[in-house]
């Protein structure tokens, strides 16, 4: 079950906060990591890609 408000709402800033909360993810890596994860799962996460 997903319990991340960013994932549920499609809010990138909330999703980024969730990733940076993980101590194993360096701050400089979090943004590009989020972008890569969202793009790889684009078909499953339409809320992050309004308008297509």
C-alpha atoms as a PDB file:
ATOM      1  CA  UNK A   1       0.000   0.000   0.000  1.00  0.00           C
ATOM      2  CA  UNK A   2       1.304   3.447  -0.897  1.00  0.00           C
ATOM      3  CA  UNK A   3       1.332   5.866   2.012  1.00  0.00           C
ATOM      4  CA  UNK A   4       3.207   8.767   0.435  1.00  0.00           C
ATOM      5  CA  UNK A   5       1.132  11.941  -0.074  1.00  0.00           C
ATOM      6  CA  UNK A   6       3.337  12.873  -3.039  1.00  0.00           C
ATOM      7  CA  UNK A   7       2.576   9.606  -4.794  1.00  0.00           C
ATOM      8  CA  UNK A   8      -1.120   9.924  -4.110  1.00  0.00           C
ATOM      9  CA  UNK A   9      -1.389  13.556  -5.208  1.00  0.00           C
ATOM     10  CA  UNK A  10       1.183  13.713  -7.994  1.00  0.00           C
ATOM     11  CA  UNK A  11       3.054  16.457  -6.128  1.00  0.00           C
ATOM     12  CA  UNK A  12       6.724  16.246  -7.114  1.00  0.00           C
ATOM     13  CA  UNK A  13       7.889  18.338  -4.179  1.00  0.00           C
ATOM     14  CA  UNK A  14       6.250  15.960  -1.686  1.00  0.00           C
ATOM     15  CA  UNK A  15       7.692  12.956  -3.501  1.00  0.00           C
ATOM     16  CA  UNK A  16      11.125  14.595  -3.403  1.00  0.00           C
ATOM     17  CA  UNK A  17      10.758  15.173   0.347  1.00  0.00           C
ATOM     18  CA  UNK A  18       9.970  11.488   0.805  1.00  0.00           C
ATOM     19  CA  UNK A  19      13.076  10.451  -1.136  1.00  0.00           C
ATOM     20  CA  UNK A  20      15.369  12.878   0.692  1.00  0.00           C
ATOM     21  CA  UNK A  21      14.065  11.564   4.023  1.00  0.00           C
ATOM     22  CA  UNK A  22      15.947   8.348   3.245  1.00  0.00           C
ATOM     23  CA  UNK A  23      19.431   8.748   4.759  1.00  0.00           C
ATOM     24  CA  UNK A  24      20.913   6.538   2.026  1.00  0.00           C
ATOM     25  CA  UNK A  25      19.949   9.005  -0.735  1.00  0.00           C
ATOM     26  CA  UNK A  26      22.325  12.000  -0.982  1.00  0.00           C
ATOM     27  CA  UNK A  27      20.578  15.344  -1.526  1.00  0.00           C
ATOM     28  CA  UNK A  28      22.315  15.931  -4.861  1.00  0.00           C
ATOM     29  CA  UNK A  29      21.068  12.590  -6.150  1.00  0.00           C
ATOM     30  CA  UNK A  30      17.458  12.852  -4.990  1.00  0.00           C
ATOM     31  CA  UNK A  31      16.141  15.110  -7.788  1.00  0.00           C
ATOM     32  CA  UNK A  32      17.611  13.168 -10.714  1.00  0.00           C
ATOM     33  CA  UNK A  33      16.640   9.902  -9.009  1.00  0.00           C
ATOM     34  CA  UNK A  34      13.026  11.055  -8.689  1.00  0.00           C
ATOM     35  CA  UNK A  35      12.952  12.167 -12.327  1.00  0.00           C
ATOM     36  CA  UNK A  36      14.321   8.799 -13.476  1.00  0.00           C
ATOM     37  CA  UNK A  37      11.900   6.817 -11.309  1.00  0.00           C
ATOM     38  CA  UNK A  38       8.914   8.839 -12.495  1.00  0.00           C
ATOM     39  CA  UNK A  39       9.882   8.529 -16.146  1.00  0.00           C
ATOM     40  CA  UNK A  40      10.464   4.778 -15.833  1.00  0.00           C
ATOM     41  CA  UNK A  41       6.999   4.387 -14.290  1.00  0.00           C
ATOM     42  CA  UNK A  42       5.214   7.084 -16.311  1.00  0.00           C
ATOM     43  CA  UNK A  43       2.374   4.779 -17.408  1.00  0.00           C
ATOM     44  CA  UNK A  44       1.635   3.885 -13.783  1.00  0.00           C
ATOM     45  CA  UNK A  45       1.875   7.430 -12.378  1.00  0.00           C
ATOM     46  CA  UNK A  46      -0.352   9.647 -14.523  1.00  0.00           C
ATOM     47  CA  UNK A  47      -0.847  12.175 -11.724  1.00  0.00           C
ATOM     48  CA  UNK A  48       2.749  13.284 -12.143  1.00  0.00           C
ATOM     49  CA  UNK A  49       2.214  13.955 -15.858  1.00  0.00           C
ATOM     50  CA  UNK A  50      -0.894  16.089 -16.299  1.00  0.00           C
ATOM     51  CA  UNK A  51      -1.852  16.583 -19.901  1.00  0.00           C
ATOM     52  CA  UNK A  52      -0.140  13.453 -21.090  1.00  0.00           C
END
